[in-house]
Amino acid sequence: MKEWISGRNPILEVLRAHRRQIFRLWLVKGIVEDQRVKEILQLARDFTVSVEVVDRSQLDNVAENHQGMAL
């Protein structure tokens, strides 16, 4: 079953645990790359997860409180 994970902490924990099959990471255009976002991007690169920059409206369609990203 495919599902979206949204929010910075949940996404970070999913990537750290590496127990799920991950298809892609969506980031909102213009996201501020703080330390947590940089760590998420590094983990995504380590596991060869496709990272896509999308409009906020696309993220709004998959989650209400996405904090600028969805996995």
PDB file of N, CA and C in Angstrom:
ATOM      1  N   MET A   1       0.840  -1.180   0.000  1.00  0.00           N
ATOM      2  CA  MET A   1       0.000   0.000   0.000  1.00  0.00           C
ATOM      3  C   MET A   1       0.886   1.245   0.000  1.00  0.00           C
ATOM      4  N   LYS A   2       0.613   2.163  -0.891  1.00  0.00           N
ATOM      5  CA  LYS A   2       1.357   3.417  -0.943  1.00  0.00           C
ATOM      6  C   LYS A   2       0.632   4.464  -0.123  1.00  0.00           C
ATOM      7  N   GLU A   3       1.422   5.269   0.593  1.00  0.00           N
ATOM      8  CA  GLU A   3       0.856   6.364   1.367  1.00  0.00           C
ATOM      9  C   GLU A   3       1.866   7.497   1.414  1.00  0.00           C
ATOM     10  N   TRP A   4       1.385   8.698   1.626  1.00  0.00           N
ATOM     11  CA  TRP A   4       2.253   9.860   1.763  1.00  0.00           C
ATOM     12  C   TRP A   4       2.572  10.074   3.230  1.00  0.00           C
ATOM     13  N   ILE A   5       3.817  10.364   3.517  1.00  0.00           N
ATOM     14  CA  ILE A   5       4.254  10.783   4.846  1.00  0.00           C
ATOM     15  C   ILE A   5       4.580  12.262   4.708  1.00  0.00           C
ATOM     16  N   SER A   6       4.047  13.084   5.597  1.00  0.00           N
ATOM     17  CA  SER A   6       4.303  14.516   5.502  1.00  0.00           C
ATOM     18  C   SER A   6       4.819  15.046   6.829  1.00  0.00           C
ATOM     19  N   GLY A   7       5.497  16.165   6.763  1.00  0.00           N
ATOM     20  CA  GLY A   7       6.080  16.780   7.944  1.00  0.00           C
ATOM     21  C   GLY A   7       7.544  16.398   8.081  1.00  0.00           C
ATOM     22  N   ARG A   8       8.338  17.327   8.562  1.00  0.00           N
ATOM     23  CA  ARG A   8       9.786  17.126   8.618  1.00  0.00           C
ATOM     24  C   ARG A   8      10.206  16.016   9.573  1.00  0.00           C
ATOM     25  N   ASN A   9       9.683  15.998  10.779  1.00  0.00           N
ATOM     26  CA  ASN A   9      10.086  14.948  11.729  1.00  0.00           C
ATOM     27  C   ASN A   9       9.662  13.554  11.276  1.00  0.00           C
ATOM     28  N   PRO A  10       8.411  13.351  10.855  1.00  0.00           N
ATOM     29  CA  PRO A  10       8.036  12.011  10.378  1.00  0.00           C
ATOM     30  C   PRO A  10       8.869  11.549   9.188  1.00  0.00           C
ATOM     31  N   ILE A  11       9.155  12.448   8.246  1.00  0.00           N
ATOM     32  CA  ILE A  11       9.960  12.079   7.087  1.00  0.00           C
ATOM     33  C   ILE A  11      11.372  11.709   7.510  1.00  0.00           C
ATOM     34  N   LEU A  12      11.940  12.488   8.409  1.00  0.00           N
ATOM     35  CA  LEU A  12      13.286  12.203   8.895  1.00  0.00           C
ATOM     36  C   LEU A  12      13.344  10.838   9.570  1.00  0.00           C
ATOM     37  N   GLU A  13      12.365  10.527  10.395  1.00  0.00           N
ATOM     38  CA  GLU A  13      12.347   9.236  11.086  1.00  0.00           C
ATOM     39  C   GLU A  13      12.166   8.066  10.125  1.00  0.00           C
ATOM     40  N   VAL A  14      11.337   8.238   9.109  1.00  0.00           N
ATOM     41  CA  VAL A  14      11.150   7.179   8.109  1.00  0.00           C
ATOM     42  C   VAL A  14      12.455   6.928   7.364  1.00  0.00           C
ATOM     43  N   LEU A  15      13.148   7.991   6.985  1.00  0.00           N
ATOM     44  CA  LEU A  15      14.418   7.829   6.282  1.00  0.00           C
ATOM     45  C   LEU A  15      15.486   7.204   7.176  1.00  0.00           C
ATOM     46  N   ARG A  16      15.523   7.605   8.428  1.00  0.00           N
ATOM     47  CA  ARG A  16      16.507   7.031   9.361  1.00  0.00           C
ATOM     48  C   ARG A  16      16.259   5.546   9.594  1.00  0.00           C
ATOM     49  N   ALA A  17      14.997   5.172   9.747  1.00  0.00           N
ATOM     50  CA  ALA A  17      14.655   3.774  10.031  1.00  0.00           C
ATOM     51  C   ALA A  17      14.898   2.880   8.816  1.00  0.00           C
ATOM     52  N   HIS A  18      14.677   3.422   7.637  1.00  0.00           N
ATOM     53  CA  HIS A  18      14.873   2.695   6.375  1.00  0.00           C
ATOM     54  C   HIS A  18      14.156   1.335   6.382  1.00  0.00           C
ATOM     55  N   ARG A  19      12.898   1.363   6.819  1.00  0.00           N
ATOM     56  CA  ARG A  19      12.084   0.144   6.870  1.00  0.00           C
ATOM     57  C   ARG A  19      10.971   0.136   5.839  1.00  0.00           C
ATOM     58  N   ARG A  20      10.821   1.214   5.103  1.00  0.00           N
ATOM     59  CA  ARG A  20       9.757   1.311   4.107  1.00  0.00           C
ATOM     60  C   ARG A  20      10.362   1.464   2.729  1.00  0.00           C
ATOM     61  N   GLN A  21       9.612   1.055   1.742  1.00  0.00           N
ATOM     62  CA  GLN A  21      10.018   1.307   0.372  1.00  0.00           C
ATOM     63  C   GLN A  21       9.639   2.756   0.052  1.00  0.00           C
ATOM     64  N   ILE A  22      10.598   3.520  -0.396  1.00  0.00           N
ATOM     65  CA  ILE A  22      10.383   4.944  -0.625  1.00  0.00           C
ATOM     66  C   ILE A  22      10.480   5.228  -2.116  1.00  0.00           C
ATOM     67  N   PHE A  23       9.512   5.960  -2.632  1.00  0.00           N
ATOM     68  CA  PHE A  23       9.452   6.223  -4.066  1.00  0.00           C
ATOM     69  C   PHE A  23       9.958   7.602  -4.443  1.00  0.00           C
ATOM     70  N   ARG A  24       9.574   8.624  -3.684  1.00  0.00           N
ATOM     71  CA  ARG A  24      10.018   9.980  -4.021  1.00  0.00           C
ATOM     72  C   ARG A  24       9.805  10.923  -2.847  1.00  0.00           C
ATOM     73  N   LEU A  25      10.527  12.006  -2.889  1.00  0.00           N
ATOM     74  CA  LEU A  25      10.406  13.077  -1.906  1.00  0.00           C
ATOM     75  C   LEU A  25      10.029  14.337  -2.657  1.00  0.00           C
ATOM     76  N   TRP A  26       8.924  14.959  -2.245  1.00  0.00           N
ATOM     77  CA  TRP A  26       8.508  16.227  -2.836  1.00  0.00           C
ATOM     78  C   TRP A  26       8.897  17.355  -1.894  1.00  0.00           C
ATOM     79  N   LEU A  27       9.507  18.392  -2.447  1.00  0.00           N
ATOM     80  CA  LEU A  27       9.831  19.601  -1.700  1.00  0.00           C
ATOM     81  C   LEU A  27       9.128  20.773  -2.358  1.00  0.00           C
ATOM     82  N   VAL A  28       8.600  21.676  -1.545  1.00  0.00           N
ATOM     83  CA  VAL A  28       7.943  22.857  -2.088  1.00  0.00           C
ATOM     84  C   VAL A  28       9.006  23.797  -2.665  1.00  0.00           C
ATOM     85  N   LYS A  29       8.661  24.484  -3.755  1.00  0.00           N
ATOM     86  CA  LYS A  29       9.576  25.468  -4.339  1.00  0.00           C
ATOM     87  C   LYS A  29       9.921  26.522  -3.300  1.00  0.00           C
ATOM     88  N   GLY A  30      11.209  26.837  -3.181  1.00  0.00           N
ATOM     89  CA  GLY A  30      11.639  27.894  -2.274  1.00  0.00           C
ATOM     90  C   GLY A  30      11.780  27.477  -0.824  1.00  0.00           C
ATOM     91  N   ILE A  31      11.809  26.178  -0.528  1.00  0.00           N
ATOM     92  CA  ILE A  31      11.934  25.731   0.853  1.00  0.00           C
ATOM     93  C   ILE A  31      13.259  26.213   1.444  1.00  0.00           C
ATOM     94  N   VAL A  32      13.220  26.650   2.677  1.00  0.00           N
ATOM     95  CA  VAL A  32      14.424  27.102   3.367  1.00  0.00           C
ATOM     96  C   VAL A  32      15.166  25.862   3.852  1.00  0.00           C
ATOM     97  N   GLU A  33      16.412  25.736   3.449  1.00  0.00           N
ATOM     98  CA  GLU A  33      17.193  24.543   3.801  1.00  0.00           C
ATOM     99  C   GLU A  33      17.864  24.716   5.154  1.00  0.00           C
ATOM    100  N   ASP A  34      17.110  24.463   6.224  1.00  0.00           N
ATOM    101  CA  ASP A  34      17.692  24.470   7.553  1.00  0.00           C
ATOM    102  C   ASP A  34      18.404  23.135   7.780  1.00  0.00           C
ATOM    103  N   GLN A  35      18.931  22.923   8.959  1.00  0.00           N
ATOM    104  CA  GLN A  35      19.708  21.708   9.240  1.00  0.00           C
ATOM    105  C   GLN A  35      18.881  20.439   9.038  1.00  0.00           C
ATOM    106  N   ARG A  36      17.621  20.456   9.463  1.00  0.00           N
ATOM    107  CA  ARG A  36      16.773  19.264   9.322  1.00  0.00           C
ATOM    108  C   ARG A  36      16.519  18.943   7.849  1.00  0.00           C
ATOM    109  N   VAL A  37      16.249  19.953   7.048  1.00  0.00           N
ATOM    110  CA  VAL A  37      16.014  19.739   5.621  1.00  0.00           C
ATOM    111  C   VAL A  37      17.282  19.213   4.953  1.00  0.00           C
ATOM    112  N   LYS A  38      18.429  19.743   5.327  1.00  0.00           N
ATOM    113  CA  LYS A  38      19.693  19.255   4.770  1.00  0.00           C
ATOM    114  C   LYS A  38      19.919  17.786   5.119  1.00  0.00           C
ATOM    115  N   GLU A  39      19.594  17.405   6.345  1.00  0.00           N
ATOM    116  CA  GLU A  39      19.748  16.002   6.747  1.00  0.00           C
ATOM    117  C   GLU A  39      18.795  15.100   5.955  1.00  0.00           C
ATOM    118  N   ILE A  40      17.570  15.553   5.764  1.00  0.00           N
ATOM    119  CA  ILE A  40      16.593  14.782   4.979  1.00  0.00           C
ATOM    120  C   ILE A  40      17.093  14.609   3.548  1.00  0.00           C
ATOM    121  N   LEU A  41      17.595  15.676   2.960  1.00  0.00           N
ATOM    122  CA  LEU A  41      18.098  15.593   1.587  1.00  0.00           C
ATOM    123  C   LEU A  41      19.304  14.659   1.487  1.00  0.00           C
ATOM    124  N   GLN A  42      20.174  14.695   2.479  1.00  0.00           N
ATOM    125  CA  GLN A  42      21.338  13.807   2.462  1.00  0.00           C
ATOM    126  C   GLN A  42      20.912  12.342   2.571  1.00  0.00           C
ATOM    127  N   LEU A  43      19.974  12.052   3.470  1.00  0.00           N
ATOM    128  CA  LEU A  43      19.480  10.684   3.598  1.00  0.00           C
ATOM    129  C   LEU A  43      18.784  10.229   2.318  1.00  0.00           C
ATOM    130  N   ALA A  44      18.032  11.129   1.708  1.00  0.00           N
ATOM    131  CA  ALA A  44      17.355  10.791   0.446  1.00  0.00           C
ATOM    132  C   ALA A  44      18.394  10.453  -0.628  1.00  0.00           C
ATOM    133  N   ARG A  45      19.463  11.232  -0.699  1.00  0.00           N
ATOM    134  CA  ARG A  45      20.527  10.945  -1.669  1.00  0.00           C
ATOM    135  C   ARG A  45      21.197   9.608  -1.363  1.00  0.00           C
ATOM    136  N   ASP A  46      21.446   9.335  -0.087  1.00  0.00           N
ATOM    137  CA  ASP A  46      22.092   8.089   0.314  1.00  0.00           C
ATOM    138  C   ASP A  46      21.294   6.865  -0.133  1.00  0.00           C
ATOM    139  N   PHE A  47      19.969   6.988  -0.121  1.00  0.00           N
ATOM    140  CA  PHE A  47      19.101   5.866  -0.491  1.00  0.00           C
ATOM    141  C   PHE A  47      18.547   6.015  -1.906  1.00  0.00           C
ATOM    142  N   THR A  48      19.149   6.896  -2.695  1.00  0.00           N
ATOM    143  CA  THR A  48      18.765   7.161  -4.090  1.00  0.00           C
ATOM    144  C   THR A  48      17.257   7.387  -4.266  1.00  0.00           C
ATOM    145  N   VAL A  49      16.693   8.191  -3.394  1.00  0.00           N
ATOM    146  CA  VAL A  49      15.287   8.579  -3.492  1.00  0.00           C
ATOM    147  C   VAL A  49      15.197   9.752  -4.466  1.00  0.00           C
ATOM    148  N   SER A  50      14.245   9.689  -5.373  1.00  0.00           N
ATOM    149  CA  SER A  50      14.012  10.776  -6.314  1.00  0.00           C
ATOM    150  C   SER A  50      13.478  11.996  -5.557  1.00  0.00           C
ATOM    151  N   VAL A  51      14.129  13.142  -5.729  1.00  0.00           N
ATOM    152  CA  VAL A  51      13.701  14.384  -5.078  1.00  0.00           C
ATOM    153  C   VAL A  51      13.141  15.304  -6.157  1.00  0.00           C
ATOM    154  N   GLU A  52      11.909  15.746  -5.955  1.00  0.00           N
ATOM    155  CA  GLU A  52      11.242  16.611  -6.919  1.00  0.00           C
ATOM    156  C   GLU A  52      10.805  17.904  -6.238  1.00  0.00           C
ATOM    157  N   VAL A  53      11.023  19.026  -6.898  1.00  0.00           N
ATOM    158  CA  VAL A  53      10.556  20.320  -6.408  1.00  0.00           C
ATOM    159  C   VAL A  53       9.204  20.582  -7.061  1.00  0.00           C
ATOM    160  N   VAL A  54       8.189  20.858  -6.217  1.00  0.00           N
ATOM    161  CA  VAL A  54       6.820  21.006  -6.713  1.00  0.00           C
ATOM    162  C   VAL A  54       6.190  22.286  -6.171  1.00  0.00           C
ATOM    163  N   ASP A  55       5.069  22.664  -6.753  1.00  0.00           N
ATOM    164  CA  ASP A  55       4.300  23.807  -6.256  1.00  0.00           C
ATOM    165  C   ASP A  55       3.610  23.445  -4.950  1.00  0.00           C
ATOM    166  N   ARG A  56       3.374  24.449  -4.143  1.00  0.00           N
ATOM    167  CA  ARG A  56       2.688  24.246  -2.865  1.00  0.00           C
ATOM    168  C   ARG A  56       1.316  23.594  -3.065  1.00  0.00           C
ATOM    169  N   SER A  57       0.638  23.910  -4.143  1.00  0.00           N
ATOM    170  CA  SER A  57      -0.700  23.355  -4.386  1.00  0.00           C
ATOM    171  C   SER A  57      -0.650  21.828  -4.514  1.00  0.00           C
ATOM    172  N   GLN A  58       0.426  21.281  -5.102  1.00  0.00           N
ATOM    173  CA  GLN A  58       0.552  19.822  -5.200  1.00  0.00           C
ATOM    174  C   GLN A  58       0.686  19.200  -3.812  1.00  0.00           C
ATOM    175  N   LEU A  59       1.464  19.830  -2.954  1.00  0.00           N
ATOM    176  CA  LEU A  59       1.610  19.315  -1.589  1.00  0.00           C
ATOM    177  C   LEU A  59       0.310  19.463  -0.808  1.00  0.00           C
ATOM    178  N   ASP A  60      -0.387  20.565  -1.028  1.00  0.00           N
ATOM    179  CA  ASP A  60      -1.671  20.770  -0.350  1.00  0.00           C
ATOM    180  C   ASP A  60      -2.673  19.673  -0.703  1.00  0.00           C
ATOM    181  N   ASN A  61      -2.546  19.103  -1.890  1.00  0.00           N
ATOM    182  CA  ASN A  61      -3.458  18.035  -2.313  1.00  0.00           C
ATOM    183  C   ASN A  61      -3.177  16.702  -1.629  1.00  0.00           C
ATOM    184  N   VAL A  62      -1.972  16.504  -1.127  1.00  0.00           N
ATOM    185  CA  VAL A  62      -1.651  15.220  -0.486  1.00  0.00           C
ATOM    186  C   VAL A  62      -1.654  15.282   1.035  1.00  0.00           C
ATOM    187  N   ALA A  63      -1.481  16.484   1.612  1.00  0.00           N
ATOM    188  CA  ALA A  63      -1.471  16.593   3.079  1.00  0.00           C
ATOM    189  C   ALA A  63      -1.769  18.034   3.504  1.00  0.00           C
ATOM    190  N   GLU A  64      -2.429  18.155   4.644  1.00  0.00           N
ATOM    191  CA  GLU A  64      -2.752  19.492   5.161  1.00  0.00           C
ATOM    192  C   GLU A  64      -1.538  20.161   5.815  1.00  0.00           C
ATOM    193  N   ASN A  65      -0.846  19.431   6.665  1.00  0.00           N
ATOM    194  CA  ASN A  65       0.276  19.981   7.431  1.00  0.00           C
ATOM    195  C   ASN A  65       1.585  19.387   6.949  1.00  0.00           C
ATOM    196  N   HIS A  66       1.942  19.685   5.708  1.00  0.00           N
ATOM    197  CA  HIS A  66       3.098  19.037   5.092  1.00  0.00           C
ATOM    198  C   HIS A  66       4.429  19.678   5.437  1.00  0.00           C
ATOM    199  N   GLN A  67       4.433  20.898   5.961  1.00  0.00           N
ATOM    200  CA  GLN A  67       5.652  21.635   6.310  1.00  0.00           C
ATOM    201  C   GLN A  67       6.613  21.745   5.122  1.00  0.00           C
ATOM    202  N   GLY A  68       6.057  21.773   3.919  1.00  0.00           N
ATOM    203  CA  GLY A  68       6.874  21.979   2.735  1.00  0.00           C
ATOM    204  C   GLY A  68       7.469  20.722   2.134  1.00  0.00           C
ATOM    205  N   MET A  69       7.070  19.544   2.630  1.00  0.00           N
ATOM    206  CA  MET A  69       7.610  18.306   2.058  1.00  0.00           C
ATOM    207  C   MET A  69       6.694  17.123   2.307  1.00  0.00           C
ATOM    208  N   ALA A  70       6.778  16.161   1.400  1.00  0.00           N
ATOM    209  CA  ALA A  70       6.036  14.906   1.535  1.00  0.00           C
ATOM    210  C   ALA A  70       6.881  13.793   0.936  1.00  0.00           C
ATOM    211  N   LEU A  71       6.790  12.628   1.555  1.00  0.00           N
ATOM    212  CA  LEU A  71       7.582  11.481   1.153  1.00  0.00           C
ATOM    213  C   LEU A  71       6.663  10.357   0.724  1.00  0.00           C
TER     214      LEU A  71
END
